């Protein structure tokens, strides 16, 4: 059984990805930040459907904890699957923040940096020795790295950085057969950013008006695509940025 590690898998896009990847036969390790109850429910849903899953706590902004997390992951892989390595890494965990350039503080900027750029970089670095050859890395970016909306400069900067990282991972680990790609969702109806797109009718209407398919996205527009990117169907896709935004600002 191939095994995927998905960060931020207890809700939103990560939850959808975990459920759909499990349906494709992958073993699932996913992380959660604080909501253990929600994480346990996701793991139960996967296992009730005949899959295998386990949830681990991780704060991706705390890079000093990654060594301990890697050790915990090694123990879980051995106990749950009797293996020493996993196959696919999805760097998905994150949070949204609207920070106009004139108002952003250094503390807010650093918080986004730790979560969205420093965290994925050093977590990937720490976990690569635990990955099997011929696996894959998928970094979740944002449509905001292509188009610009006022108030999202710091967040979009970090996502631009993660897109560059994806290409360099593909170059440096291609000799191991490890693919690395970026998936950039558009505006999705989740609790991300305080449910800004999902719960604000005016925002939702605006998103729909600038999206070719005429609506905002939902988690299950993205989860199946993530699962597909981890499969053999995508074995020749490498060093690419794939946007799934319904044609937002197309």
Foldseek 3Di string as FASTA:
>chain_A
DAEEEEEQLLFFLNVLQQQLLLVVPHEYEYEHAPCVVSVVVSQCVSVVVVGHYDYDYDDLLPLVCLLVVLVVVQVCCCVRPNDRAHFEYELDDDADFFAAPVRDDPVNLSSLCSNQAVSVVSNCVNRVVRHAQQFEYEYEAACCLVPPDGRRVSRSVSSVNVLVVQLVCCVVRVVSNYAGEYEHEYAEQTCGNNRVCNPDVVNQQVQLVQAPVRGFHYSNLNSNVSSCCRDPVVSPDHSYYHYHYNRGND
